[in-house]
Amino acid sequence: MNRIICFLTIIVLISCKSNTTIAQQNESDSISKPPVEKPKFYEVNAPQVDPNTIIFKGIITGKTTQQDVCGKKNLNTIEIKVTNVVASGAGLSSTLTIGNHIFLVHIDKIAKRIKKMTNNSTIQFIAKEKLCQDMSTTSYELIEMK
């Protein structure tokens, strides 16, 4: 008789356990899990910038026709005060900060556009950094203005 009662008790306990396991599975299915996101190593909205290139906003403080940059006299230079650094590429040896005054060397194609602009104009510039021959100073060549 004792064996039958023990056997029935074990069967009841096993059946209760299987019912709770099924209930837990149904409950976990009804709860929605948040989607798993992949780790981001860079900001998606950040513009992709070429190496040794910097994108910044600045105010034109002066237009010069002859400026000594890297020991050479350049005919096409403008002086700019940096107001905001938007993005920079890898490999820059010196970084620009807000408030820096720099001279940008530009090509003849851009010279016509610069002549039309007035001083104190805020513009977005894309410039490429180049090392001078003494390797201790840098110069910036204007690639594009927006």
Protein backbone atom coordinates (compact mmCIF):
# COMPACT_ATOMS: atom_id res chain seq x y z
CA MET A 1 0.00 0.00 0.00
CA ASN A 2 2.82 2.38 0.89
CA ARG A 3 4.39 1.74 -2.45
CA ILE A 4 1.23 2.71 -4.31
CA ILE A 5 0.86 5.97 -2.34
CA CYS A 6 4.49 6.88 -2.96
CA PHE A 7 4.12 6.05 -6.63
CA LEU A 8 0.96 8.21 -6.94
CA THR A 9 2.62 11.08 -5.08
CA ILE A 10 5.58 11.01 -7.45
CA ILE A 11 3.27 10.99 -10.48
CA VAL A 12 1.32 13.98 -9.12
CA LEU A 13 4.53 15.91 -8.43
CA ILE A 14 5.92 15.18 -11.88
CA SER A 15 2.68 16.23 -13.58
CA CYS A 16 2.58 19.50 -11.60
CA LYS A 17 6.18 20.26 -12.54
CA SER A 18 5.52 19.71 -16.24
CA ASN A 19 2.47 22.02 -16.07
CA THR A 20 4.49 24.82 -14.48
CA THR A 21 7.26 24.40 -17.08
CA ILE A 22 4.72 24.74 -19.90
CA ALA A 23 3.16 27.78 -18.20
CA GLN A 24 6.57 29.41 -17.85
CA GLN A 25 7.34 28.83 -21.53
CA ASN A 26 4.02 30.36 -22.57
CA GLU A 27 4.63 33.33 -20.29
CA SER A 28 8.14 33.92 -21.66
CA ASP A 29 6.80 33.76 -25.23
CA SER A 30 4.22 36.45 -24.49
CA ILE A 31 6.86 38.86 -23.12
CA SER A 32 8.55 40.67 -26.02
CA LYS A 33 12.29 41.05 -25.76
CA PRO A 34 13.99 44.21 -27.02
CA PRO A 35 15.99 43.74 -30.22
CA VAL A 36 19.70 43.26 -29.83
CA GLU A 37 21.73 46.09 -31.37
CA LYS A 38 25.14 45.66 -32.89
CA PRO A 39 27.87 47.75 -31.27
CA LYS A 40 28.65 50.99 -33.06
CA PHE A 41 32.27 51.94 -33.41
CA TYR A 42 31.57 55.21 -35.20
CA GLU A 43 28.69 57.59 -35.42
CA VAL A 44 26.52 56.90 -38.46
CA ASN A 45 25.79 60.59 -39.09
CA ALA A 46 29.43 61.64 -38.97
CA PRO A 47 30.80 62.54 -42.39
CA GLN A 48 33.57 60.34 -43.74
CA VAL A 49 36.73 62.43 -44.05
CA ASP A 50 39.86 61.57 -46.00
CA PRO A 51 43.18 61.26 -44.14
CA ASN A 52 44.97 64.57 -43.41
CA THR A 53 41.75 66.44 -44.18
CA ILE A 54 39.72 68.63 -41.84
CA ILE A 55 36.26 70.16 -42.18
CA PHE A 56 35.68 73.31 -40.16
CA LYS A 57 33.68 76.52 -40.07
CA GLY A 58 35.46 79.82 -39.89
CA ILE A 59 35.28 83.55 -40.37
CA ILE A 60 37.36 85.21 -43.08
CA THR A 61 39.40 87.85 -41.26
CA GLY A 62 41.65 88.90 -44.11
CA LYS A 63 42.55 88.30 -47.72
CA THR A 64 46.21 88.58 -48.54
CA THR A 65 47.86 88.37 -51.88
CA GLN A 66 51.27 87.41 -50.59
CA GLN A 67 51.91 85.49 -47.39
CA ASP A 68 54.94 83.53 -46.20
CA VAL A 69 53.78 79.95 -45.54
CA CYS A 70 56.38 77.23 -44.90
CA GLY A 71 59.17 79.56 -45.99
CA LYS A 72 57.62 80.19 -49.39
CA LYS A 73 55.72 83.22 -50.60
CA ASN A 74 52.23 82.17 -51.65
CA LEU A 75 50.19 84.52 -53.78
CA ASN A 76 46.78 83.14 -52.85
CA THR A 77 46.18 83.00 -49.09
CA ILE A 78 43.35 83.96 -46.78
CA GLU A 79 43.37 84.36 -43.01
CA ILE A 80 40.63 82.52 -41.15
CA LYS A 81 39.51 82.40 -37.53
CA VAL A 82 38.20 78.90 -36.70
CA THR A 83 34.71 78.93 -35.12
CA ASN A 84 33.82 75.22 -35.21
CA VAL A 85 35.57 71.98 -36.15
CA VAL A 86 33.02 69.71 -37.86
CA ALA A 87 35.13 66.61 -38.58
CA SER A 88 38.72 65.60 -39.06
CA GLY A 89 40.41 62.72 -40.80
CA ALA A 90 43.10 60.43 -39.49
CA GLY A 91 46.75 61.39 -39.59
CA LEU A 92 46.54 65.07 -38.66
CA SER A 93 49.73 66.18 -36.95
CA SER A 94 48.20 69.32 -35.43
CA THR A 95 44.53 69.81 -34.70
CA LEU A 96 42.62 73.04 -35.06
CA THR A 97 40.76 74.44 -32.09
CA ILE A 98 38.12 77.12 -31.82
CA GLY A 99 39.70 80.56 -31.95
CA ASN A 100 42.81 79.56 -33.96
CA HIS A 101 43.92 81.96 -36.69
CA ILE A 102 45.31 80.12 -39.71
CA PHE A 103 46.35 80.96 -43.24
CA LEU A 104 44.82 78.83 -45.98
CA VAL A 105 46.57 78.51 -49.30
CA HIS A 106 44.08 78.24 -52.14
CA ILE A 107 44.17 77.59 -55.86
CA ASP A 108 43.26 80.03 -58.62
CA LYS A 109 39.83 78.44 -59.21
CA ILE A 110 38.73 79.34 -55.70
CA ALA A 111 40.35 82.79 -55.80
CA LYS A 112 37.46 84.23 -57.83
CA ARG A 113 34.93 83.03 -55.26
CA ILE A 114 36.98 84.41 -52.38
CA LYS A 115 37.26 87.85 -53.97
CA LYS A 116 33.46 88.08 -54.06
CA MET A 117 33.17 87.30 -50.33
CA THR A 118 33.43 89.93 -47.66
CA ASN A 119 35.45 89.79 -44.49
CA ASN A 120 33.60 88.42 -41.44
CA SER A 121 31.79 85.87 -43.65
CA THR A 122 31.23 82.54 -41.90
CA ILE A 123 31.90 79.65 -44.28
CA GLN A 124 32.51 75.92 -44.05
CA PHE A 125 35.96 74.96 -45.32
CA ILE A 126 37.51 71.65 -46.29
CA ALA A 127 41.29 71.81 -46.05
CA LYS A 128 44.15 69.36 -46.42
CA GLU A 129 47.04 69.52 -43.98
CA LYS A 130 50.57 69.39 -45.35
CA LEU A 131 53.82 69.29 -43.45
CA CYS A 132 56.43 71.93 -44.19
CA GLN A 133 59.93 70.88 -45.18
CA ASP A 134 61.27 71.42 -41.65
CA MET A 135 58.62 68.89 -40.42
CA SER A 136 57.82 71.03 -37.37
CA THR A 137 55.09 73.23 -38.82
CA THR A 138 52.09 72.56 -40.99
CA SER A 139 50.21 74.41 -43.68
CA TYR A 140 46.65 74.01 -44.85
CA GLU A 141 45.57 73.92 -48.48
CA LEU A 142 41.97 74.85 -49.19
CA ILE A 143 40.16 72.14 -51.12
CA GLU A 144 36.57 73.34 -51.05
CA MET A 145 34.28 75.99 -49.53
CA LYS A 146 30.57 75.71 -48.85
